[in-house]
Amino acid sequence: INFPIVRVYLLAFGKLLTLPDNRIILEVKDPAMYHFDKAKSYLAEWNKTGVVCYESVLPFGISDSLRIRMLTQDMNKYLNLNGRMEKRRLKCLVMSRADTTSGLLKTNGRIGRRNTLHSNEPIKQLRYAHLDNIIWELNDVPGSLPAVDETNFPGEVDMDLKISSFANLDEVRAAIKPYGLTLQEASRELEVFVLSEATHQ
């Protein structure tokens, strides 16, 4: 009910909570129709054209693949759009390990879980937390390159990071370097959501 069009598609694909904005590609004439920008319009005004109401009743036990196909076909047909998930090669930020032997990544789990990365504190802390929290913060920066984790480190870590903003990549690189981590620009094939206007022959 009154849901942004792109978010309805992401909900149908099961990607609403996992796909960051920097993996959404709008190949449309007017991207502002599908992405609210508070610098350009008021939300109440944008909602008049930018949101939809949709309901679908499907048989119990329907497969995920068929459900996704039926929901997206509905959206594409009624909105004259073409929304789909694709693999595309994009420039991105890759976090990896420069040092895999020193044991710099570790935790003292007894002190409990803590994550202040999203705070305004000058020293941001991770306690008994996963490195994907750093990736989440990098992806949450408006207009940022997609960030991916190639550290292959599966466990929890304790980190103290002197970062004023995750938009400042030099600060991020300096903060993670003592833990044997690097952050470099590279090209990777990533899963993205693409929205374009439908074309009819």
C-alpha atoms as a PDB file:
ATOM      1  CA  ILE A   1       0.000   0.000   0.000  1.00  0.00           C
ATOM      2  CA  ASN A   2       1.527   3.300  -1.156  1.00  0.00           C
ATOM      3  CA  PHE A   3       4.908   1.663  -1.789  1.00  0.00           C
ATOM      4  CA  PRO A   4       7.632   3.111  -4.074  1.00  0.00           C
ATOM      5  CA  ILE A   5       7.696   1.266  -7.394  1.00  0.00           C
ATOM      6  CA  VAL A   6      11.316   0.124  -7.150  1.00  0.00           C
ATOM      7  CA  ARG A   7      10.720  -1.217  -3.638  1.00  0.00           C
ATOM      8  CA  VAL A   8       7.751  -3.276  -4.846  1.00  0.00           C
ATOM      9  CA  TYR A   9      10.021  -4.939  -7.404  1.00  0.00           C
ATOM     10  CA  LEU A  10      12.714  -5.566  -4.780  1.00  0.00           C
ATOM     11  CA  LEU A  11      10.093  -7.057  -2.466  1.00  0.00           C
ATOM     12  CA  ALA A  12       8.968  -9.392  -5.253  1.00  0.00           C
ATOM     13  CA  PHE A  13      12.558 -10.503  -5.876  1.00  0.00           C
ATOM     14  CA  GLY A  14      13.216 -10.967  -2.139  1.00  0.00           C
ATOM     15  CA  LYS A  15      15.898  -8.247  -2.250  1.00  0.00           C
ATOM     16  CA  LEU A  16      14.190  -5.431  -0.346  1.00  0.00           C
ATOM     17  CA  LEU A  17      16.449  -5.620   2.718  1.00  0.00           C
ATOM     18  CA  THR A  18      19.639  -6.872   1.068  1.00  0.00           C
ATOM     19  CA  LEU A  19      20.223  -4.912  -2.144  1.00  0.00           C
ATOM     20  CA  PRO A  20      21.807  -1.481  -1.525  1.00  0.00           C
ATOM     21  CA  ASP A  21      20.805   1.573  -3.540  1.00  0.00           C
ATOM     22  CA  ASN A  22      24.113   1.568  -5.415  1.00  0.00           C
ATOM     23  CA  ARG A  23      23.090  -1.696  -7.089  1.00  0.00           C
ATOM     24  CA  ILE A  24      19.870  -0.210  -8.482  1.00  0.00           C
ATOM     25  CA  ILE A  25      20.186   0.970 -12.083  1.00  0.00           C
ATOM     26  CA  LEU A  26      17.452   3.205 -13.502  1.00  0.00           C
ATOM     27  CA  GLU A  27      17.597   3.185 -17.307  1.00  0.00           C
ATOM     28  CA  VAL A  28      14.564   5.435 -17.690  1.00  0.00           C
ATOM     29  CA  LYS A  29      13.859   8.855 -19.171  1.00  0.00           C
ATOM     30  CA  ASP A  30      13.138  10.447 -15.780  1.00  0.00           C
ATOM     31  CA  PRO A  31      14.873   8.677 -12.852  1.00  0.00           C
ATOM     32  CA  ALA A  32      13.235  11.162 -10.439  1.00  0.00           C
ATOM     33  CA  MET A  33       9.933   9.348 -11.045  1.00  0.00           C
ATOM     34  CA  TYR A  34      11.338   6.257  -9.330  1.00  0.00           C
ATOM     35  CA  HIS A  35      13.788   7.675  -6.796  1.00  0.00           C
ATOM     36  CA  PHE A  36      12.817  10.305  -4.236  1.00  0.00           C
ATOM     37  CA  ASP A  37      15.373  13.105  -3.891  1.00  0.00           C
ATOM     38  CA  LYS A  38      14.579  15.394  -0.976  1.00  0.00           C
ATOM     39  CA  ALA A  39      16.741  18.105  -2.540  1.00  0.00           C
ATOM     40  CA  LYS A  40      14.444  18.285  -5.571  1.00  0.00           C
ATOM     41  CA  SER A  41      10.923  17.714  -4.262  1.00  0.00           C
ATOM     42  CA  TYR A  42       8.715  17.259  -1.224  1.00  0.00           C
ATOM     43  CA  LEU A  43       7.843  13.687  -0.289  1.00  0.00           C
ATOM     44  CA  ALA A  44       4.092  14.385  -0.222  1.00  0.00           C
ATOM     45  CA  GLU A  45       4.277  15.731  -3.772  1.00  0.00           C
ATOM     46  CA  TRP A  46       6.482  12.880  -5.048  1.00  0.00           C
ATOM     47  CA  ASN A  47       4.131  10.309  -3.496  1.00  0.00           C
ATOM     48  CA  LYS A  48       1.362  11.401  -5.880  1.00  0.00           C
ATOM     49  CA  THR A  49       3.142   9.651  -8.766  1.00  0.00           C
ATOM     50  CA  GLY A  50       6.005   7.685  -7.199  1.00  0.00           C
ATOM     51  CA  VAL A  51       4.099   5.068  -5.201  1.00  0.00           C
ATOM     52  CA  VAL A  52       1.651   2.285  -6.055  1.00  0.00           C
ATOM     53  CA  CYS A  53      -0.740  -0.096  -4.312  1.00  0.00           C
ATOM     54  CA  TYR A  54      -0.554  -3.742  -5.315  1.00  0.00           C
ATOM     55  CA  GLU A  55      -2.155  -6.968  -4.125  1.00  0.00           C
ATOM     56  CA  SER A  56      -1.664 -10.499  -5.366  1.00  0.00           C
ATOM     57  CA  VAL A  57      -3.337 -13.730  -4.211  1.00  0.00           C
ATOM     58  CA  LEU A  58      -1.399 -16.838  -5.201  1.00  0.00           C
ATOM     59  CA  PRO A  59      -1.904 -20.562  -4.555  1.00  0.00           C
ATOM     60  CA  PHE A  60      -0.426 -21.971  -1.349  1.00  0.00           C
ATOM     61  CA  GLY A  61       2.886 -23.746  -1.926  1.00  0.00           C
ATOM     62  CA  ILE A  62       3.762 -21.934  -5.151  1.00  0.00           C
ATOM     63  CA  SER A  63       7.490 -22.060  -5.924  1.00  0.00           C
ATOM     64  CA  ASP A  64       9.639 -18.991  -5.327  1.00  0.00           C
ATOM     65  CA  SER A  65      10.644 -18.802  -8.993  1.00  0.00           C
ATOM     66  CA  LEU A  66       7.023 -18.878 -10.213  1.00  0.00           C
ATOM     67  CA  ARG A  67       5.914 -16.363  -7.571  1.00  0.00           C
ATOM     68  CA  ILE A  68       8.690 -13.951  -8.580  1.00  0.00           C
ATOM     69  CA  ARG A  69       7.837 -14.359 -12.268  1.00  0.00           C
ATOM     70  CA  MET A  70       4.112 -13.722 -11.719  1.00  0.00           C
ATOM     71  CA  LEU A  71       4.627 -10.668  -9.495  1.00  0.00           C
ATOM     72  CA  THR A  72       7.161  -9.025 -11.807  1.00  0.00           C
ATOM     73  CA  GLN A  73       5.033  -9.782 -14.874  1.00  0.00           C
ATOM     74  CA  ASP A  74       2.143  -7.978 -13.178  1.00  0.00           C
ATOM     75  CA  MET A  75       4.281  -4.940 -12.383  1.00  0.00           C
ATOM     76  CA  ASN A  76       5.799  -4.828 -15.852  1.00  0.00           C
ATOM     77  CA  LYS A  77       2.413  -5.146 -17.553  1.00  0.00           C
ATOM     78  CA  TYR A  78       0.492  -2.597 -15.484  1.00  0.00           C
ATOM     79  CA  LEU A  79       3.278  -0.005 -15.291  1.00  0.00           C
ATOM     80  CA  ASN A  80       4.704  -0.535 -18.800  1.00  0.00           C
ATOM     81  CA  LEU A  81       8.143  -1.180 -17.312  1.00  0.00           C
ATOM     82  CA  ASN A  82      10.816  -3.856 -17.451  1.00  0.00           C
ATOM     83  CA  GLY A  83      12.211  -4.610 -14.002  1.00  0.00           C
ATOM     84  CA  ARG A  84      14.708  -7.463 -13.668  1.00  0.00           C
ATOM     85  CA  MET A  85      17.748  -8.759 -11.834  1.00  0.00           C
ATOM     86  CA  GLU A  86      20.945  -8.897 -13.888  1.00  0.00           C
ATOM     87  CA  LYS A  87      24.651  -9.578 -13.518  1.00  0.00           C
ATOM     88  CA  ARG A  88      26.737  -6.604 -14.642  1.00  0.00           C
ATOM     89  CA  ARG A  89      30.418  -5.755 -14.397  1.00  0.00           C
ATOM     90  CA  LEU A  90      30.758  -2.569 -12.353  1.00  0.00           C
ATOM     91  CA  LYS A  91      33.467  -0.493 -10.772  1.00  0.00           C
ATOM     92  CA  CYS A  92      33.309  -1.151  -7.040  1.00  0.00           C
ATOM     93  CA  LEU A  93      35.181  -0.986  -3.738  1.00  0.00           C
ATOM     94  CA  VAL A  94      36.767  -4.274  -2.757  1.00  0.00           C
ATOM     95  CA  MET A  95      37.811  -4.912   0.850  1.00  0.00           C
ATOM     96  CA  SER A  96      40.434  -7.634   1.102  1.00  0.00           C
ATOM     97  CA  ARG A  97      43.170  -8.884   3.426  1.00  0.00           C
ATOM     98  CA  ALA A  98      46.727  -7.738   2.854  1.00  0.00           C
ATOM     99  CA  ASP A  99      47.889  -9.845   5.807  1.00  0.00           C
ATOM    100  CA  THR A 100      46.319 -13.277   6.333  1.00  0.00           C
ATOM    101  CA  THR A 101      48.832 -14.713   8.801  1.00  0.00           C
ATOM    102  CA  SER A 102      49.282 -12.294  11.706  1.00  0.00           C
ATOM    103  CA  GLY A 103      45.964 -12.824  13.458  1.00  0.00           C
ATOM    104  CA  LEU A 104      45.127  -9.097  13.460  1.00  0.00           C
ATOM    105  CA  LEU A 105      41.456  -9.924  12.990  1.00  0.00           C
ATOM    106  CA  LYS A 106      40.219 -11.384  16.262  1.00  0.00           C
ATOM    107  CA  THR A 107      37.742 -10.859  19.063  1.00  0.00           C
ATOM    108  CA  ASN A 108      37.422 -11.175  22.785  1.00  0.00           C
ATOM    109  CA  GLY A 109      33.849 -12.369  22.674  1.00  0.00           C
ATOM    110  CA  ARG A 110      33.452 -12.118  26.424  1.00  0.00           C
ATOM    111  CA  ILE A 111      32.993  -8.340  26.278  1.00  0.00           C
ATOM    112  CA  GLY A 112      29.760  -8.627  24.252  1.00  0.00           C
ATOM    113  CA  ARG A 113      28.516  -7.455  20.875  1.00  0.00           C
ATOM    114  CA  ARG A 114      28.785  -3.748  19.955  1.00  0.00           C
ATOM    115  CA  ASN A 115      28.524  -1.738  16.733  1.00  0.00           C
ATOM    116  CA  THR A 116      28.842   2.069  16.717  1.00  0.00           C
ATOM    117  CA  LEU A 117      29.792   2.431  13.032  1.00  0.00           C
ATOM    118  CA  HIS A 118      26.605   4.389  12.279  1.00  0.00           C
ATOM    119  CA  SER A 119      27.162   6.843  15.134  1.00  0.00           C
ATOM    120  CA  ASN A 120      28.828  10.272  15.187  1.00  0.00           C
ATOM    121  CA  GLU A 121      31.497   9.100  17.609  1.00  0.00           C
ATOM    122  CA  PRO A 122      35.056   9.924  16.448  1.00  0.00           C
ATOM    123  CA  ILE A 123      36.235   6.395  17.267  1.00  0.00           C
ATOM    124  CA  LYS A 124      33.792   3.849  15.934  1.00  0.00           C
ATOM    125  CA  GLN A 125      33.781   0.399  17.500  1.00  0.00           C
ATOM    126  CA  LEU A 126      33.035  -3.119  16.459  1.00  0.00           C
ATOM    127  CA  ARG A 127      32.920  -5.722  19.201  1.00  0.00           C
ATOM    128  CA  TYR A 128      32.226  -9.375  18.414  1.00  0.00           C
ATOM    129  CA  ALA A 129      30.823  -8.310  15.036  1.00  0.00           C
ATOM    130  CA  HIS A 130      31.279  -9.286  11.390  1.00  0.00           C
ATOM    131  CA  LEU A 131      33.230  -7.343   8.770  1.00  0.00           C
ATOM    132  CA  ASP A 132      30.085  -7.064   6.649  1.00  0.00           C
ATOM    133  CA  ASN A 133      29.073  -4.214   8.972  1.00  0.00           C
ATOM    134  CA  ILE A 134      31.823  -2.123   7.338  1.00  0.00           C
ATOM    135  CA  ILE A 135      30.570  -3.111   3.891  1.00  0.00           C
ATOM    136  CA  TRP A 136      27.038  -2.063   4.885  1.00  0.00           C
ATOM    137  CA  GLU A 137      28.264   1.391   5.939  1.00  0.00           C
ATOM    138  CA  LEU A 138      30.200   1.885   2.701  1.00  0.00           C
ATOM    139  CA  ASN A 139      27.142   0.919   0.652  1.00  0.00           C
ATOM    140  CA  ASP A 140      24.957   3.267   2.695  1.00  0.00           C
ATOM    141  CA  VAL A 141      26.871   6.364   1.525  1.00  0.00           C
ATOM    142  CA  PRO A 142      24.696   8.185  -1.075  1.00  0.00           C
ATOM    143  CA  GLY A 143      26.211   7.947  -4.549  1.00  0.00           C
ATOM    144  CA  SER A 144      28.918   5.518  -3.450  1.00  0.00           C
ATOM    145  CA  LEU A 145      30.444   2.725  -5.489  1.00  0.00           C
ATOM    146  CA  PRO A 146      29.156  -0.738  -4.571  1.00  0.00           C
ATOM    147  CA  ALA A 147      31.315  -2.277  -1.843  1.00  0.00           C
ATOM    148  CA  VAL A 148      32.078  -5.989  -1.605  1.00  0.00           C
ATOM    149  CA  ASP A 149      33.877  -8.134   0.958  1.00  0.00           C
ATOM    150  CA  GLU A 150      36.626 -10.398  -0.408  1.00  0.00           C
ATOM    151  CA  THR A 151      38.408 -10.947   2.891  1.00  0.00           C
ATOM    152  CA  ASN A 152      37.070 -14.514   3.202  1.00  0.00           C
ATOM    153  CA  PHE A 153      37.124 -13.969   6.964  1.00  0.00           C
ATOM    154  CA  PRO A 154      34.104 -15.753   8.458  1.00  0.00           C
ATOM    155  CA  GLY A 155      34.447 -14.884  12.134  1.00  0.00           C
ATOM    156  CA  GLU A 156      33.793 -11.942  14.433  1.00  0.00           C
ATOM    157  CA  VAL A 157      36.226  -9.088  15.087  1.00  0.00           C
ATOM    158  CA  ASP A 158      36.988  -6.327  17.570  1.00  0.00           C
ATOM    159  CA  MET A 159      37.986  -3.055  15.877  1.00  0.00           C
ATOM    160  CA  ASP A 160      38.460   0.593  16.828  1.00  0.00           C
ATOM    161  CA  LEU A 161      38.184   2.765  13.729  1.00  0.00           C
ATOM    162  CA  LYS A 162      38.968   6.475  13.586  1.00  0.00           C
ATOM    163  CA  ILE A 163      36.507   7.489  10.869  1.00  0.00           C
ATOM    164  CA  SER A 164      34.510  10.717  10.763  1.00  0.00           C
ATOM    165  CA  SER A 165      32.550   9.608   7.686  1.00  0.00           C
ATOM    166  CA  PHE A 166      32.489   6.487   5.544  1.00  0.00           C
ATOM    167  CA  ALA A 167      32.311   8.821   2.555  1.00  0.00           C
ATOM    168  CA  ASN A 168      35.969   9.678   3.287  1.00  0.00           C
ATOM    169  CA  LEU A 169      37.682   6.654   1.759  1.00  0.00           C
ATOM    170  CA  ASP A 170      41.169   7.800   2.762  1.00  0.00           C
ATOM    171  CA  GLU A 171      40.047   7.751   6.389  1.00  0.00           C
ATOM    172  CA  VAL A 172      38.479   4.329   5.961  1.00  0.00           C
ATOM    173  CA  ARG A 173      41.631   2.920   4.372  1.00  0.00           C
ATOM    174  CA  ALA A 174      43.830   4.337   7.133  1.00  0.00           C
ATOM    175  CA  ALA A 175      41.504   3.008   9.847  1.00  0.00           C
ATOM    176  CA  ILE A 176      41.351  -0.578   8.566  1.00  0.00           C
ATOM    177  CA  LYS A 177      45.035  -0.853   7.585  1.00  0.00           C
ATOM    178  CA  PRO A 178      46.254  -1.769  11.139  1.00  0.00           C
ATOM    179  CA  TYR A 179      43.948  -4.800  10.939  1.00  0.00           C
ATOM    180  CA  GLY A 180      45.586  -6.044   7.750  1.00  0.00           C
ATOM    181  CA  LEU A 181      42.754  -4.869   5.493  1.00  0.00           C
ATOM    182  CA  THR A 182      42.801  -2.911   2.250  1.00  0.00           C
ATOM    183  CA  LEU A 183      40.099  -1.100   0.262  1.00  0.00           C
ATOM    184  CA  GLN A 184      40.735  -0.741  -3.459  1.00  0.00           C
ATOM    185  CA  GLU A 185      38.730   0.164  -6.550  1.00  0.00           C
ATOM    186  CA  ALA A 186      38.283  -2.756  -8.933  1.00  0.00           C
ATOM    187  CA  SER A 187      35.846  -4.192 -11.457  1.00  0.00           C
ATOM    188  CA  ARG A 188      33.552  -7.041 -10.438  1.00  0.00           C
ATOM    189  CA  GLU A 189      30.482  -8.791 -11.806  1.00  0.00           C
ATOM    190  CA  LEU A 190      27.647  -7.965  -9.396  1.00  0.00           C
ATOM    191  CA  GLU A 191      23.954  -8.704  -9.152  1.00  0.00           C
ATOM    192  CA  VAL A 192      21.931  -5.532  -9.756  1.00  0.00           C
ATOM    193  CA  PHE A 193      18.313  -4.529 -10.209  1.00  0.00           C
ATOM    194  CA  VAL A 194      17.641  -2.790 -13.527  1.00  0.00           C
ATOM    195  CA  LEU A 195      14.516  -0.807 -14.340  1.00  0.00           C
ATOM    196  CA  SER A 196      13.776   0.413 -17.842  1.00  0.00           C
ATOM    197  CA  GLU A 197      10.745   1.481 -19.804  1.00  0.00           C
ATOM    198  CA  ALA A 198       9.154  -1.304 -21.821  1.00  0.00           C
ATOM    199  CA  THR A 199       9.416  -1.129 -25.578  1.00  0.00           C
ATOM    200  CA  HIS A 200       6.715  -2.509 -27.864  1.00  0.00           C
ATOM    201  CA  GLN A 201       7.238  -3.503 -31.438  1.00  0.00           C
END
